[in-house]
Protein backbone atom coordinates (compact mmCIF):
# COMPACT_ATOMS: atom_id res chain seq x y z
CA UNK A 1 0.03 0.02 0.05
CA UNK A 2 2.79 2.37 0.88
CA UNK A 3 4.44 1.63 -2.53
CA UNK A 4 1.22 2.57 -4.37
CA UNK A 5 0.95 5.90 -2.37
CA UNK A 6 4.57 6.63 -3.09
CA UNK A 7 4.16 5.92 -6.75
CA UNK A 8 1.01 8.04 -6.93
CA UNK A 9 2.83 10.92 -5.14
CA UNK A 10 5.74 10.70 -7.49
CA UNK A 11 3.42 10.64 -10.50
CA UNK A 12 1.45 13.67 -9.14
CA UNK A 13 4.77 15.61 -8.66
CA UNK A 14 5.98 14.71 -12.16
CA UNK A 15 2.71 15.78 -13.65
CA UNK A 16 2.80 19.04 -11.66
CA UNK A 17 6.33 19.70 -12.94
CA UNK A 18 5.28 18.89 -16.48
CA UNK A 19 2.28 21.23 -16.27
CA UNK A 20 4.46 24.05 -15.07
CA UNK A 21 6.94 23.46 -17.84
CA UNK A 22 4.13 23.49 -20.46
CA UNK A 23 2.73 26.76 -18.94
CA UNK A 24 6.18 28.29 -19.16
CA UNK A 25 6.52 27.31 -22.76
CA UNK A 26 3.04 28.76 -23.57
CA UNK A 27 4.01 32.05 -21.90
CA UNK A 28 7.19 32.15 -24.04
CA UNK A 29 5.33 31.39 -27.24
CA UNK A 30 2.77 34.07 -26.32
CA UNK A 31 5.43 36.62 -25.82
CA UNK A 32 7.15 35.65 -29.13
CA UNK A 33 3.79 35.93 -30.97
CA UNK A 34 3.28 39.42 -29.50
CA UNK A 35 6.81 40.48 -30.56
CA UNK A 36 6.04 39.19 -34.14
CA UNK A 37 2.76 41.01 -34.28
CA UNK A 38 4.57 44.26 -33.28
CA UNK A 39 7.20 43.64 -36.02
CA UNK A 40 4.59 42.99 -38.61
CA UNK A 41 2.73 46.15 -37.68
CA UNK A 42 6.10 48.13 -37.87
CA UNK A 43 6.77 46.54 -41.28
CA UNK A 44 3.36 47.52 -42.53
CA UNK A 45 3.87 51.07 -41.39
CA UNK A 46 7.30 51.12 -43.08
CA UNK A 47 5.70 49.83 -46.28
CA UNK A 48 3.11 52.62 -46.18
CA UNK A 49 5.90 55.22 -45.74
CA UNK A 50 7.95 53.74 -48.59
CA UNK A 51 4.91 53.67 -50.85
CA UNK A 52 4.22 57.31 -50.05
CA UNK A 53 7.84 58.21 -50.77
CA UNK A 54 7.77 56.21 -54.05
CA UNK A 55 4.59 57.95 -55.14
CA UNK A 56 5.88 61.36 -54.28
CA UNK A 57 9.10 60.61 -56.20
CA UNK A 58 7.13 59.38 -59.27
CA UNK A 59 5.03 62.60 -59.09
CA UNK A 60 8.08 64.73 -58.91
CA UNK A 61 9.75 62.93 -61.77
CA UNK A 62 6.60 63.18 -63.86
CA UNK A 63 6.46 66.98 -63.19
CA UNK A 64 10.15 67.42 -64.06
CA UNK A 65 9.66 65.46 -67.26
CA UNK A 66 6.71 67.67 -68.24
CA UNK A 67 8.64 70.83 -67.51
CA UNK A 68 11.58 69.38 -69.50
CA UNK A 69 9.29 68.64 -72.51
CA UNK A 70 7.70 72.09 -72.28
CA UNK A 71 11.15 73.69 -72.23
CA UNK A 72 12.31 71.60 -75.24
CA UNK A 73 9.25 72.62 -77.20
CA UNK A 74 9.86 76.33 -76.37
CA UNK A 75 13.51 75.98 -77.44
CA UNK A 76 12.46 74.39 -80.68
CA UNK A 77 9.75 76.95 -81.23
CA UNK A 78 12.19 79.79 -80.67
CA UNK A 79 14.82 78.23 -82.89
CA UNK A 80 12.22 77.89 -85.65
CA UNK A 81 11.16 81.56 -85.23
CA UNK A 82 14.77 82.71 -85.40
CA UNK A 83 15.29 80.70 -88.59
CA UNK A 84 12.46 82.41 -90.35
């Protein structure tokens, strides 16, 4: 009878330790998941900033190209007027 009680006590202690170990791992995984969520949010914000910068750059280049084409047209127009 004493052996059965000792075995049951050891089994209960082992299960308790195992449950504590599993709870510790769950807490670590939860923390890791939260960190990854924060990183994903930061990456999404960086992506939005980069897209905004790219759009702004594209608009600036488009405006410069338009101004350059207008300037070339005026130069050609003036050259043609001087030739006549």
